Amino acid sequence: MNNAVKRITVTLAIVAVLSVSAQGQNFSNLNFESAYDLPANPSNGVYIPAANAFPDWALGGSEVSVFYESNFLGDAGVSAVQLEGGALALDGDFSLRLNDGGSISQTGLVPANAESLDFEATSTLNLDVTLGGQRLSYSALYDGPNYIEYGANIATGLDGQMEELTFSNLGLDGSTLLDNIQFSPSATPEPGEMALIGLGAVLFYMSIHMRQRRKQRLRP
């Protein structure tokens, strides 16, 4: 491999690293399946740290809980979660429940090209959703087996930015289960992504061309 090809290879690697870095620091545990160190047989009066039940999320108020298989983690404050009897999760082993006055929040990088925020919920009567301090207006997309899939449009300029995502129950009564929060991207890449793709294609073509020229010079 000659020096020109080596330089091209290094450049391609740098472009790949920059592209991956731009997508880092994303939101995590949006399906609430990352709870850890829970008792095998949950029962009333068993407490675990809230951070174990809600990794990556910050809790607000004292009325947040996670449905845990046939039981749920109830009466969650910032420091502790109690296991109590409950009902099955919407999906997987865990779903989060917001009771009156409860909230969860997380700061992360909104994916580039994100146009909407989707989530599953049993009720949105008192549910408030904000991203980057802006309240999101959401609507039902379709009915699931025991939930409704909702979608909210994301304001222009929030994609690709570090923003705080918050779900709050502002009602005086009632609760809602949440699960499978996700950002939905647009089908068209952003100009910055198009530039990276174009640069990669040009560098790849140049590397192939340089190899062909080298082979031709080596032929007898």
C-alpha atoms as a PDB file:
ATOM      1  CA  MET A   1       0.000   0.000   0.000  1.00  0.00           C
ATOM      2  CA  ASN A   2       1.617   3.283  -1.102  1.00  0.00           C
ATOM      3  CA  ASN A   3       1.535   6.518   0.839  1.00  0.00           C
ATOM      4  CA  ALA A   4      -1.359   8.002  -1.138  1.00  0.00           C
ATOM      5  CA  VAL A   5      -3.581   5.009  -0.429  1.00  0.00           C
ATOM      6  CA  LYS A   6      -2.550   5.083   3.229  1.00  0.00           C
ATOM      7  CA  ARG A   7      -3.506   8.748   3.491  1.00  0.00           C
ATOM      8  CA  ILE A   8      -6.877   8.048   1.895  1.00  0.00           C
ATOM      9  CA  THR A   9      -7.482   5.119   4.278  1.00  0.00           C
ATOM     10  CA  VAL A  10      -6.648   7.264   7.302  1.00  0.00           C
ATOM     11  CA  THR A  11      -8.948  10.023   6.030  1.00  0.00           C
ATOM     12  CA  LEU A  12     -11.804   7.554   5.600  1.00  0.00           C
ATOM     13  CA  ALA A  13     -11.256   6.307   9.153  1.00  0.00           C
ATOM     14  CA  ILE A  14     -11.349   9.871  10.512  1.00  0.00           C
ATOM     15  CA  VAL A  15     -14.578  10.571   8.619  1.00  0.00           C
ATOM     16  CA  ALA A  16     -16.115   7.397  10.064  1.00  0.00           C
ATOM     17  CA  VAL A  17     -15.062   8.337  13.604  1.00  0.00           C
ATOM     18  CA  LEU A  18     -16.472  11.851  13.244  1.00  0.00           C
ATOM     19  CA  SER A  19     -19.717  10.464  11.897  1.00  0.00           C
ATOM     20  CA  VAL A  20     -20.064   8.050  14.819  1.00  0.00           C
ATOM     21  CA  SER A  21     -19.110  10.761  17.327  1.00  0.00           C
ATOM     22  CA  ALA A  22     -21.810  13.050  15.940  1.00  0.00           C
ATOM     23  CA  GLN A  23     -24.340  10.357  16.768  1.00  0.00           C
ATOM     24  CA  GLY A  24     -23.037   9.695  20.276  1.00  0.00           C
ATOM     25  CA  GLN A  25     -24.535  10.700  23.605  1.00  0.00           C
ATOM     26  CA  ASN A  26     -27.956   9.560  22.447  1.00  0.00           C
ATOM     27  CA  PHE A  27     -30.916   9.019  24.749  1.00  0.00           C
ATOM     28  CA  SER A  28     -30.928   5.554  26.304  1.00  0.00           C
ATOM     29  CA  ASN A  29     -33.235   3.159  28.151  1.00  0.00           C
ATOM     30  CA  LEU A  30     -36.245   4.563  26.289  1.00  0.00           C
ATOM     31  CA  ASN A  31     -37.998   1.196  26.639  1.00  0.00           C
ATOM     32  CA  PHE A  32     -37.286   0.972  30.405  1.00  0.00           C
ATOM     33  CA  GLU A  33     -35.737  -2.485  30.000  1.00  0.00           C
ATOM     34  CA  SER A  34     -32.400  -1.596  31.621  1.00  0.00           C
ATOM     35  CA  ALA A  35     -33.422  -2.045  35.254  1.00  0.00           C
ATOM     36  CA  TYR A  36     -30.886  -4.133  37.195  1.00  0.00           C
ATOM     37  CA  ASP A  37     -30.217  -5.818  40.538  1.00  0.00           C
ATOM     38  CA  LEU A  38     -33.887  -6.480  41.203  1.00  0.00           C
ATOM     39  CA  PRO A  39     -35.047  -9.274  43.521  1.00  0.00           C
ATOM     40  CA  ALA A  40     -36.011 -12.496  41.761  1.00  0.00           C
ATOM     41  CA  ASN A  41     -39.289 -12.694  43.690  1.00  0.00           C
ATOM     42  CA  PRO A  42     -40.547  -9.161  44.316  1.00  0.00           C
ATOM     43  CA  SER A  43     -42.835  -8.630  47.287  1.00  0.00           C
ATOM     44  CA  ASN A  44     -44.309  -5.789  49.312  1.00  0.00           C
ATOM     45  CA  GLY A  45     -41.890  -3.758  51.408  1.00  0.00           C
ATOM     46  CA  VAL A  46     -38.777  -4.539  49.340  1.00  0.00           C
ATOM     47  CA  TYR A  47     -36.832  -1.400  48.381  1.00  0.00           C
ATOM     48  CA  ILE A  48     -34.127  -0.910  45.762  1.00  0.00           C
ATOM     49  CA  PRO A  49     -32.315   2.268  44.645  1.00  0.00           C
ATOM     50  CA  ALA A  50     -34.349   4.229  42.122  1.00  0.00           C
ATOM     51  CA  ALA A  51     -31.263   4.437  39.910  1.00  0.00           C
ATOM     52  CA  ASN A  52     -31.421   0.643  39.515  1.00  0.00           C
ATOM     53  CA  ALA A  53     -35.002   0.767  38.332  1.00  0.00           C
ATOM     54  CA  PHE A  54     -34.658   3.930  36.211  1.00  0.00           C
ATOM     55  CA  PRO A  55     -31.091   4.034  34.875  1.00  0.00           C
ATOM     56  CA  ASP A  56     -30.412   7.127  32.728  1.00  0.00           C
ATOM     57  CA  TRP A  57     -33.637   8.842  33.847  1.00  0.00           C
ATOM     58  CA  ALA A  58     -34.063  11.610  36.426  1.00  0.00           C
ATOM     59  CA  LEU A  59     -37.205  11.324  38.542  1.00  0.00           C
ATOM     60  CA  GLY A  60     -39.395  14.234  39.587  1.00  0.00           C
ATOM     61  CA  GLY A  61     -42.033  14.164  42.304  1.00  0.00           C
ATOM     62  CA  SER A  62     -42.791  11.025  44.274  1.00  0.00           C
ATOM     63  CA  GLU A  63     -45.277   9.342  41.966  1.00  0.00           C
ATOM     64  CA  VAL A  64     -43.372   7.309  39.390  1.00  0.00           C
ATOM     65  CA  SER A  65     -43.353   3.534  39.174  1.00  0.00           C
ATOM     66  CA  VAL A  66     -42.226   0.754  36.860  1.00  0.00           C
ATOM     67  CA  PHE A  67     -44.318  -2.320  36.112  1.00  0.00           C
ATOM     68  CA  TYR A  68     -42.116  -5.335  36.777  1.00  0.00           C
ATOM     69  CA  GLU A  69     -43.399  -8.569  35.238  1.00  0.00           C
ATOM     70  CA  SER A  70     -46.495  -9.377  37.357  1.00  0.00           C
ATOM     71  CA  ASN A  71     -45.501  -6.791  39.948  1.00  0.00           C
ATOM     72  CA  PHE A  72     -44.498  -3.159  39.760  1.00  0.00           C
ATOM     73  CA  LEU A  73     -41.991  -0.898  41.394  1.00  0.00           C
ATOM     74  CA  GLY A  74     -44.178   1.635  43.169  1.00  0.00           C
ATOM     75  CA  ASP A  75     -44.008   4.895  45.090  1.00  0.00           C
ATOM     76  CA  ALA A  76     -40.762   5.897  43.459  1.00  0.00           C
ATOM     77  CA  GLY A  77     -38.902   8.882  44.757  1.00  0.00           C
ATOM     78  CA  VAL A  78     -35.478  10.005  43.663  1.00  0.00           C
ATOM     79  CA  SER A  79     -33.754   7.741  46.180  1.00  0.00           C
ATOM     80  CA  ALA A  80     -35.796   4.550  46.528  1.00  0.00           C
ATOM     81  CA  VAL A  81     -38.375   2.371  44.815  1.00  0.00           C
ATOM     82  CA  GLN A  82     -40.707  -0.050  46.559  1.00  0.00           C
ATOM     83  CA  LEU A  83     -41.875  -3.304  45.005  1.00  0.00           C
ATOM     84  CA  GLU A  84     -45.609  -3.847  45.274  1.00  0.00           C
ATOM     85  CA  GLY A  85     -48.294  -5.951  43.645  1.00  0.00           C
ATOM     86  CA  GLY A  86     -49.260  -4.716  40.182  1.00  0.00           C
ATOM     87  CA  ALA A  87     -50.058  -5.642  36.597  1.00  0.00           C
ATOM     88  CA  LEU A  88     -48.173  -6.754  33.494  1.00  0.00           C
ATOM     89  CA  ALA A  89     -46.015  -4.348  31.526  1.00  0.00           C
ATOM     90  CA  LEU A  90     -47.139  -3.047  28.142  1.00  0.00           C
ATOM     91  CA  ASP A  91     -44.155  -4.644  26.435  1.00  0.00           C
ATOM     92  CA  GLY A  92     -41.133  -6.594  27.653  1.00  0.00           C
ATOM     93  CA  ASP A  93     -40.496  -6.845  31.388  1.00  0.00           C
ATOM     94  CA  PHE A  94     -40.827  -3.173  32.258  1.00  0.00           C
ATOM     95  CA  SER A  95     -43.118  -0.232  31.598  1.00  0.00           C
ATOM     96  CA  LEU A  96     -43.085   3.070  33.426  1.00  0.00           C
ATOM     97  CA  ARG A  97     -46.146   4.480  35.160  1.00  0.00           C
ATOM     98  CA  LEU A  98     -46.645   8.172  35.849  1.00  0.00           C
ATOM     99  CA  ASN A  99     -49.026   8.909  38.693  1.00  0.00           C
ATOM    100  CA  ASP A 100     -50.321  12.339  39.658  1.00  0.00           C
ATOM    101  CA  GLY A 101     -47.487  14.857  39.794  1.00  0.00           C
ATOM    102  CA  GLY A 102     -44.807  12.401  38.681  1.00  0.00           C
ATOM    103  CA  SER A 103     -42.269  13.140  35.949  1.00  0.00           C
ATOM    104  CA  ILE A 104     -39.202  11.672  34.290  1.00  0.00           C
ATOM    105  CA  SER A 105     -36.552  13.488  32.270  1.00  0.00           C
ATOM    106  CA  GLN A 106     -33.355  12.768  30.386  1.00  0.00           C
ATOM    107  CA  THR A 107     -30.918  14.904  28.409  1.00  0.00           C
ATOM    108  CA  GLY A 108     -29.422  13.506  25.223  1.00  0.00           C
ATOM    109  CA  LEU A 109     -28.614  14.120  21.593  1.00  0.00           C
ATOM    110  CA  VAL A 110     -31.729  14.284  19.444  1.00  0.00           C
ATOM    111  CA  PRO A 111     -30.923  12.125  16.395  1.00  0.00           C
ATOM    112  CA  ALA A 112     -30.202  13.968  13.178  1.00  0.00           C
ATOM    113  CA  ASN A 113     -33.202  13.935  10.818  1.00  0.00           C
ATOM    114  CA  ALA A 114     -35.591  13.234  13.708  1.00  0.00           C
ATOM    115  CA  GLU A 115     -39.023  14.518  12.758  1.00  0.00           C
ATOM    116  CA  SER A 116     -41.234  12.949  15.407  1.00  0.00           C
ATOM    117  CA  LEU A 117     -41.233  11.396  18.858  1.00  0.00           C
ATOM    118  CA  ASP A 118     -43.300   8.213  19.214  1.00  0.00           C
ATOM    119  CA  PHE A 119     -44.351   6.442  22.403  1.00  0.00           C
ATOM    120  CA  GLU A 120     -46.830   3.903  23.751  1.00  0.00           C
ATOM    121  CA  ALA A 121     -49.265   4.888  26.507  1.00  0.00           C
ATOM    122  CA  THR A 122     -52.460   3.648  28.103  1.00  0.00           C
ATOM    123  CA  SER A 123     -53.815   7.159  28.649  1.00  0.00           C
ATOM    124  CA  THR A 124     -52.681  10.686  27.834  1.00  0.00           C
ATOM    125  CA  LEU A 125     -55.433  12.573  29.622  1.00  0.00           C
ATOM    126  CA  ASN A 126     -52.958  14.367  31.908  1.00  0.00           C
ATOM    127  CA  LEU A 127     -49.701  13.663  30.056  1.00  0.00           C
ATOM    128  CA  ASP A 128     -47.387  16.561  29.203  1.00  0.00           C
ATOM    129  CA  VAL A 129     -44.394  15.982  26.904  1.00  0.00           C
ATOM    130  CA  THR A 130     -41.631  18.526  26.337  1.00  0.00           C
ATOM    131  CA  LEU A 131     -38.400  18.465  24.329  1.00  0.00           C
ATOM    132  CA  GLY A 132     -35.890  21.256  24.691  1.00  0.00           C
ATOM    133  CA  GLY A 133     -38.371  23.147  26.837  1.00  0.00           C
ATOM    134  CA  GLN A 134     -40.971  23.101  24.053  1.00  0.00           C
ATOM    135  CA  ARG A 135     -44.272  21.347  24.645  1.00  0.00           C
ATOM    136  CA  LEU A 136     -44.972  18.692  22.034  1.00  0.00           C
ATOM    137  CA  SER A 137     -48.425  18.266  20.555  1.00  0.00           C
ATOM    138  CA  TYR A 138     -49.084  14.562  19.990  1.00  0.00           C
ATOM    139  CA  SER A 139     -51.868  12.500  18.464  1.00  0.00           C
ATOM    140  CA  ALA A 140     -52.860   8.827  18.293  1.00  0.00           C
ATOM    141  CA  LEU A 141     -51.297   6.817  15.474  1.00  0.00           C
ATOM    142  CA  TYR A 142     -52.841   3.381  16.028  1.00  0.00           C
ATOM    143  CA  ASP A 143     -54.235   1.079  18.699  1.00  0.00           C
ATOM    144  CA  GLY A 144     -51.988  -1.623  20.133  1.00  0.00           C
ATOM    145  CA  PRO A 145     -53.116  -4.702  22.103  1.00  0.00           C
ATOM    146  CA  ASN A 146     -53.183  -2.841  25.444  1.00  0.00           C
ATOM    147  CA  TYR A 147     -51.951   0.645  24.595  1.00  0.00           C
ATOM    148  CA  ILE A 148     -52.158   3.418  22.002  1.00  0.00           C
ATOM    149  CA  GLU A 149     -49.177   4.466  19.885  1.00  0.00           C
ATOM    150  CA  TYR A 150     -48.777   8.257  19.884  1.00  0.00           C
ATOM    151  CA  GLY A 151     -46.651  10.521  17.728  1.00  0.00           C
ATOM    152  CA  ALA A 152     -45.529  14.112  18.253  1.00  0.00           C
ATOM    153  CA  ASN A 153     -43.875  16.353  15.677  1.00  0.00           C
ATOM    154  CA  ILE A 154     -40.476  17.746  16.666  1.00  0.00           C
ATOM    155  CA  ALA A 155     -39.860  21.444  16.138  1.00  0.00           C
ATOM    156  CA  THR A 156     -37.364  22.421  13.448  1.00  0.00           C
ATOM    157  CA  GLY A 157     -33.869  22.932  14.794  1.00  0.00           C
ATOM    158  CA  LEU A 158     -34.051  20.455  17.680  1.00  0.00           C
ATOM    159  CA  ASP A 159     -32.684  17.511  15.706  1.00  0.00           C
ATOM    160  CA  GLY A 160     -28.950  17.043  16.145  1.00  0.00           C
ATOM    161  CA  GLN A 161     -28.989  19.077  19.381  1.00  0.00           C
ATOM    162  CA  MET A 162     -28.501  18.174  23.033  1.00  0.00           C
ATOM    163  CA  GLU A 163     -31.958  18.624  24.578  1.00  0.00           C
ATOM    164  CA  GLU A 164     -33.938  17.547  27.621  1.00  0.00           C
ATOM    165  CA  LEU A 165     -36.886  15.195  27.140  1.00  0.00           C
ATOM    166  CA  THR A 166     -39.540  15.231  29.877  1.00  0.00           C
ATOM    167  CA  PHE A 167     -42.765  13.300  30.465  1.00  0.00           C
ATOM    168  CA  SER A 168     -45.025  14.639  33.235  1.00  0.00           C
ATOM    169  CA  ASN A 169     -48.404  13.743  34.672  1.00  0.00           C
ATOM    170  CA  LEU A 170     -50.078  17.075  35.411  1.00  0.00           C
ATOM    171  CA  GLY A 171     -53.447  15.681  36.457  1.00  0.00           C
ATOM    172  CA  LEU A 172     -55.108  15.584  39.834  1.00  0.00           C
ATOM    173  CA  ASP A 173     -56.103  11.968  39.448  1.00  0.00           C
ATOM    174  CA  GLY A 174     -55.389   9.043  37.190  1.00  0.00           C
ATOM    175  CA  SER A 175     -52.141   7.587  35.871  1.00  0.00           C
ATOM    176  CA  THR A 176     -50.643   6.436  32.600  1.00  0.00           C
ATOM    177  CA  LEU A 177     -48.248   3.695  31.552  1.00  0.00           C
ATOM    178  CA  LEU A 178     -45.425   4.567  29.145  1.00  0.00           C
ATOM    179  CA  ASP A 179     -43.234   2.352  27.012  1.00  0.00           C
ATOM    180  CA  ASN A 180     -41.052   2.204  23.881  1.00  0.00           C
ATOM    181  CA  ILE A 181     -40.245   5.892  23.430  1.00  0.00           C
ATOM    182  CA  GLN A 182     -38.391   6.455  20.158  1.00  0.00           C
ATOM    183  CA  PHE A 183     -37.353   9.160  17.723  1.00  0.00           C
ATOM    184  CA  SER A 184     -38.495   8.646  14.134  1.00  0.00           C
ATOM    185  CA  PRO A 185     -36.119  10.011  11.480  1.00  0.00           C
ATOM    186  CA  SER A 186     -37.022  11.504   8.143  1.00  0.00           C
ATOM    187  CA  ALA A 187     -36.296   9.568   4.971  1.00  0.00           C
ATOM    188  CA  THR A 188     -34.037  12.306   3.544  1.00  0.00           C
ATOM    189  CA  PRO A 189     -30.497  12.699   4.974  1.00  0.00           C
ATOM    190  CA  GLU A 190     -29.422  16.082   6.294  1.00  0.00           C
ATOM    191  CA  PRO A 191     -27.014  18.148   4.135  1.00  0.00           C
ATOM    192  CA  GLY A 192     -24.190  17.395   6.567  1.00  0.00           C
ATOM    193  CA  GLU A 193     -24.792  13.663   6.242  1.00  0.00           C
ATOM    194  CA  MET A 194     -25.003  13.972   2.464  1.00  0.00           C
ATOM    195  CA  ALA A 195     -21.623  15.728   2.496  1.00  0.00           C
ATOM    196  CA  LEU A 196     -20.087  12.898   4.549  1.00  0.00           C
ATOM    197  CA  ILE A 197     -21.560  10.308   2.215  1.00  0.00           C
ATOM    198  CA  GLY A 198     -20.273  12.217  -0.820  1.00  0.00           C
ATOM    199  CA  LEU A 199     -16.814  12.621   0.677  1.00  0.00           C
ATOM    200  CA  GLY A 200     -16.666   8.932   1.493  1.00  0.00           C
ATOM    201  CA  ALA A 201     -17.678   8.019  -2.045  1.00  0.00           C
ATOM    202  CA  VAL A 202     -15.025  10.316  -3.554  1.00  0.00           C
ATOM    203  CA  LEU A 203     -12.296   8.968  -1.284  1.00  0.00           C
ATOM    204  CA  PHE A 204     -13.320   5.402  -1.997  1.00  0.00           C
ATOM    205  CA  TYR A 205     -13.183   6.062  -5.749  1.00  0.00           C
ATOM    206  CA  MET A 206      -9.750   7.672  -5.375  1.00  0.00           C
ATOM    207  CA  SER A 207      -8.422   4.693  -3.435  1.00  0.00           C
ATOM    208  CA  ILE A 208      -9.599   2.282  -6.136  1.00  0.00           C
ATOM    209  CA  HIS A 209      -8.104   4.502  -8.855  1.00  0.00           C
ATOM    210  CA  MET A 210      -4.743   4.692  -7.068  1.00  0.00           C
ATOM    211  CA  ARG A 211      -4.632   0.916  -6.664  1.00  0.00           C
ATOM    212  CA  GLN A 212      -5.319   0.412 -10.369  1.00  0.00           C
ATOM    213  CA  ARG A 213      -2.559   2.827 -11.350  1.00  0.00           C
ATOM    214  CA  ARG A 214      -0.141   1.088  -8.991  1.00  0.00           C
ATOM    215  CA  LYS A 215      -0.949  -2.312 -10.510  1.00  0.00           C
ATOM    216  CA  GLN A 216      -0.395  -0.935 -13.993  1.00  0.00           C
ATOM    217  CA  ARG A 217       3.061   0.394 -13.034  1.00  0.00           C
ATOM    218  CA  LEU A 218       4.018  -2.998 -11.576  1.00  0.00           C
ATOM    219  CA  ARG A 219       3.090  -4.935 -14.689  1.00  0.00           C
ATOM    220  CA  PRO A 220       6.122  -6.188 -16.745  1.00  0.00           C
END
